[in-house]
Amino acid sequence: MRAIQDRPEVKSVAPRLSFNGLISHGDSTLSFIGEGIDPDLDPSTRYLIIVEGALLSANDPKGILLGAAWPPI
């Protein structure tokens, strides 16, 4: 990461972990996609519209933010 972030044309570098899975409850199953981020480094959090709750914080390593695609499918 340091080799990339030290280049003058690079504005930011942030690690991400992408994952997906299924959540089931009784006869209902939903698929999901997720991304683990470092909230202090990831610039994409500046563009989120939070309807309820708060942004992620590095002080809460088990924090979670649920969202949905917009516009709704």
N, C-alpha and C. Protein backbone atom coordinates (compact mmCIF):
# COMPACT_ATOMS: atom_id res chain seq x y z
N MET A 1 0.82 -1.19 0.00
CA MET A 1 0.00 0.00 0.00
C MET A 1 0.87 1.26 0.00
N ARG A 2 1.95 1.21 0.76
CA ARG A 2 2.79 2.41 0.86
C ARG A 2 3.39 2.79 -0.49
N ALA A 3 3.80 1.79 -1.29
CA ALA A 3 4.38 2.08 -2.60
C ALA A 3 3.38 2.79 -3.51
N ILE A 4 2.11 2.46 -3.36
CA ILE A 4 1.07 3.09 -4.18
C ILE A 4 0.72 4.47 -3.63
N GLN A 5 0.50 4.57 -2.33
CA GLN A 5 0.04 5.84 -1.75
C GLN A 5 1.10 6.93 -1.79
N ASP A 6 2.37 6.57 -1.94
CA ASP A 6 3.42 7.58 -2.01
C ASP A 6 3.57 8.20 -3.39
N ARG A 7 2.85 7.69 -4.38
CA ARG A 7 2.92 8.27 -5.73
C ARG A 7 2.15 9.59 -5.73
N PRO A 8 2.67 10.63 -6.38
CA PRO A 8 2.04 11.95 -6.33
C PRO A 8 0.65 12.01 -6.97
N GLU A 9 0.35 11.14 -7.92
CA GLU A 9 -0.95 11.19 -8.58
C GLU A 9 -2.05 10.44 -7.82
N VAL A 10 -1.70 9.75 -6.75
CA VAL A 10 -2.66 8.97 -5.96
C VAL A 10 -3.21 9.84 -4.84
N LYS A 11 -4.54 9.92 -4.77
CA LYS A 11 -5.19 10.74 -3.73
C LYS A 11 -5.41 9.97 -2.44
N SER A 12 -5.79 8.68 -2.52
CA SER A 12 -5.99 7.89 -1.32
C SER A 12 -5.89 6.41 -1.63
N VAL A 13 -5.53 5.65 -0.63
CA VAL A 13 -5.45 4.20 -0.72
C VAL A 13 -6.09 3.66 0.55
N ALA A 14 -6.99 2.69 0.38
CA ALA A 14 -7.66 2.12 1.54
C ALA A 14 -7.92 0.64 1.30
N PRO A 15 -7.68 -0.20 2.30
CA PRO A 15 -7.94 -1.64 2.15
C PRO A 15 -9.44 -1.93 2.20
N ARG A 16 -9.85 -2.98 1.48
CA ARG A 16 -11.24 -3.45 1.51
C ARG A 16 -11.26 -4.97 1.49
N LEU A 17 -12.29 -5.53 2.08
CA LEU A 17 -12.51 -6.96 2.06
C LEU A 17 -13.94 -7.17 1.57
N SER A 18 -14.11 -7.75 0.39
CA SER A 18 -15.45 -7.98 -0.18
C SER A 18 -15.89 -9.41 0.12
N PHE A 19 -17.19 -9.58 0.43
CA PHE A 19 -17.73 -10.90 0.72
C PHE A 19 -19.21 -10.92 0.36
N ASN A 20 -19.77 -12.11 0.26
CA ASN A 20 -21.20 -12.26 0.00
C ASN A 20 -21.68 -13.53 0.66
N GLY A 21 -23.00 -13.66 0.75
CA GLY A 21 -23.55 -14.84 1.39
C GLY A 21 -25.06 -14.85 1.37
N LEU A 22 -25.62 -15.76 2.14
CA LEU A 22 -27.06 -15.91 2.26
C LEU A 22 -27.46 -15.79 3.72
N ILE A 23 -28.58 -15.13 3.97
CA ILE A 23 -29.15 -15.02 5.31
C ILE A 23 -30.51 -15.69 5.28
N SER A 24 -30.73 -16.65 6.16
CA SER A 24 -31.99 -17.39 6.18
C SER A 24 -32.68 -17.24 7.53
N HIS A 25 -34.01 -17.20 7.46
CA HIS A 25 -34.85 -17.20 8.66
C HIS A 25 -36.11 -17.95 8.28
N GLY A 26 -36.29 -19.14 8.86
CA GLY A 26 -37.44 -19.95 8.49
C GLY A 26 -37.38 -20.32 7.01
N ASP A 27 -38.46 -20.03 6.28
CA ASP A 27 -38.52 -20.35 4.85
C ASP A 27 -37.99 -19.22 3.97
N SER A 28 -37.58 -18.12 4.55
CA SER A 28 -37.10 -16.97 3.76
C SER A 28 -35.58 -16.94 3.73
N THR A 29 -35.04 -16.68 2.54
CA THR A 29 -33.60 -16.55 2.36
C THR A 29 -33.32 -15.33 1.50
N LEU A 30 -32.38 -14.51 1.92
CA LEU A 30 -31.96 -13.34 1.17
C LEU A 30 -30.46 -13.42 0.91
N SER A 31 -30.05 -12.99 -0.26
CA SER A 31 -28.62 -12.89 -0.53
C SER A 31 -28.13 -11.51 -0.11
N PHE A 32 -26.83 -11.39 0.17
CA PHE A 32 -26.27 -10.10 0.53
C PHE A 32 -24.86 -9.99 0.00
N ILE A 33 -24.40 -8.76 -0.16
CA ILE A 33 -23.01 -8.49 -0.44
C ILE A 33 -22.51 -7.55 0.64
N GLY A 34 -21.25 -7.65 0.97
CA GLY A 34 -20.70 -6.80 2.01
C GLY A 34 -19.28 -6.41 1.70
N GLU A 35 -18.83 -5.38 2.36
CA GLU A 35 -17.45 -4.93 2.23
C GLU A 35 -16.95 -4.49 3.59
N GLY A 36 -15.82 -4.99 3.98
CA GLY A 36 -15.16 -4.53 5.18
C GLY A 36 -14.22 -3.39 4.79
N ILE A 37 -14.28 -2.29 5.52
CA ILE A 37 -13.46 -1.12 5.20
C ILE A 37 -12.79 -0.58 6.45
N ASP A 38 -11.82 0.26 6.25
CA ASP A 38 -11.24 1.04 7.35
C ASP A 38 -11.91 2.41 7.27
N PRO A 39 -12.82 2.73 8.17
CA PRO A 39 -13.59 3.97 8.06
C PRO A 39 -12.75 5.24 8.12
N ASP A 40 -11.56 5.15 8.72
CA ASP A 40 -10.70 6.32 8.79
C ASP A 40 -9.96 6.58 7.48
N LEU A 41 -9.78 5.55 6.67
CA LEU A 41 -9.02 5.68 5.43
C LEU A 41 -9.88 5.71 4.18
N ASP A 42 -11.06 5.11 4.22
CA ASP A 42 -11.86 4.95 3.00
C ASP A 42 -12.63 6.22 2.66
N PRO A 43 -12.33 6.85 1.53
CA PRO A 43 -13.01 8.11 1.17
C PRO A 43 -14.47 7.91 0.73
N SER A 44 -14.87 6.69 0.41
CA SER A 44 -16.25 6.48 -0.05
C SER A 44 -17.29 6.77 1.02
N THR A 45 -16.89 6.75 2.30
CA THR A 45 -17.86 7.02 3.36
C THR A 45 -18.35 8.46 3.33
N ARG A 46 -17.62 9.35 2.66
CA ARG A 46 -18.05 10.75 2.56
C ARG A 46 -19.30 10.91 1.71
N TYR A 47 -19.59 9.92 0.88
CA TYR A 47 -20.70 10.04 -0.07
C TYR A 47 -21.93 9.23 0.34
N LEU A 48 -21.91 8.67 1.52
CA LEU A 48 -23.06 7.90 2.00
C LEU A 48 -24.14 8.82 2.54
N ILE A 49 -25.38 8.47 2.31
CA ILE A 49 -26.51 9.19 2.89
C ILE A 49 -27.04 8.30 4.02
N ILE A 50 -26.84 8.74 5.23
CA ILE A 50 -27.27 7.97 6.41
C ILE A 50 -28.67 8.45 6.80
N VAL A 51 -29.64 7.55 6.73
CA VAL A 51 -31.02 7.88 7.08
C VAL A 51 -31.24 7.75 8.58
N GLU A 52 -30.59 6.77 9.18
CA GLU A 52 -30.74 6.54 10.61
C GLU A 52 -29.44 5.95 11.13
N GLY A 53 -28.99 6.37 12.28
CA GLY A 53 -27.76 5.85 12.84
C GLY A 53 -26.59 6.75 12.52
N ALA A 54 -25.40 6.17 12.46
CA ALA A 54 -24.18 6.96 12.27
C ALA A 54 -23.20 6.21 11.38
N LEU A 55 -22.21 6.93 10.89
CA LEU A 55 -21.15 6.32 10.10
C LEU A 55 -20.34 5.35 10.95
N LEU A 56 -19.59 4.49 10.29
CA LEU A 56 -18.72 3.57 11.00
C LEU A 56 -17.59 4.34 11.68
N SER A 57 -17.06 3.75 12.73
CA SER A 57 -15.97 4.38 13.47
C SER A 57 -14.89 3.34 13.74
N ALA A 58 -13.65 3.75 13.62
CA ALA A 58 -12.53 2.86 13.95
C ALA A 58 -12.55 2.49 15.43
N ASN A 59 -13.23 3.28 16.26
CA ASN A 59 -13.34 2.99 17.70
C ASN A 59 -14.29 1.84 18.00
N ASP A 60 -15.06 1.42 16.99
CA ASP A 60 -16.00 0.30 17.14
C ASP A 60 -15.69 -0.74 16.07
N PRO A 61 -14.68 -1.60 16.30
CA PRO A 61 -14.24 -2.54 15.27
C PRO A 61 -15.29 -3.58 14.87
N LYS A 62 -16.34 -3.75 15.66
CA LYS A 62 -17.40 -4.69 15.31
C LYS A 62 -18.63 -3.96 14.79
N GLY A 63 -18.49 -2.68 14.47
CA GLY A 63 -19.61 -1.89 13.97
C GLY A 63 -20.07 -2.38 12.61
N ILE A 64 -21.33 -2.15 12.31
CA ILE A 64 -21.91 -2.57 11.04
C ILE A 64 -22.85 -1.47 10.54
N LEU A 65 -22.90 -1.31 9.26
CA LEU A 65 -23.78 -0.33 8.62
C LEU A 65 -24.58 -1.09 7.57
N LEU A 66 -25.89 -1.11 7.70
CA LEU A 66 -26.75 -1.78 6.73
C LEU A 66 -27.28 -0.75 5.75
N GLY A 67 -27.42 -1.15 4.52
CA GLY A 67 -27.92 -0.23 3.51
C GLY A 67 -28.63 -0.98 2.40
N ALA A 68 -29.10 -0.22 1.44
CA ALA A 68 -29.80 -0.78 0.30
C ALA A 68 -29.41 -0.01 -0.94
N ALA A 69 -29.53 -0.64 -2.08
CA ALA A 69 -29.23 0.02 -3.34
C ALA A 69 -30.26 1.12 -3.59
N TRP A 70 -29.83 2.20 -4.20
CA TRP A 70 -30.75 3.28 -4.52
C TRP A 70 -30.56 3.66 -5.97
N PRO A 71 -31.56 3.78 -6.76
CA PRO A 71 -32.97 3.57 -6.39
C PRO A 71 -33.26 2.10 -6.17
N PRO A 72 -34.29 1.81 -5.36
CA PRO A 72 -34.65 0.42 -5.08
C PRO A 72 -34.94 -0.35 -6.37
N ILE A 73 -34.55 -1.59 -6.36
CA ILE A 73 -34.76 -2.45 -7.53
C ILE A 73 -36.17 -3.00 -7.52
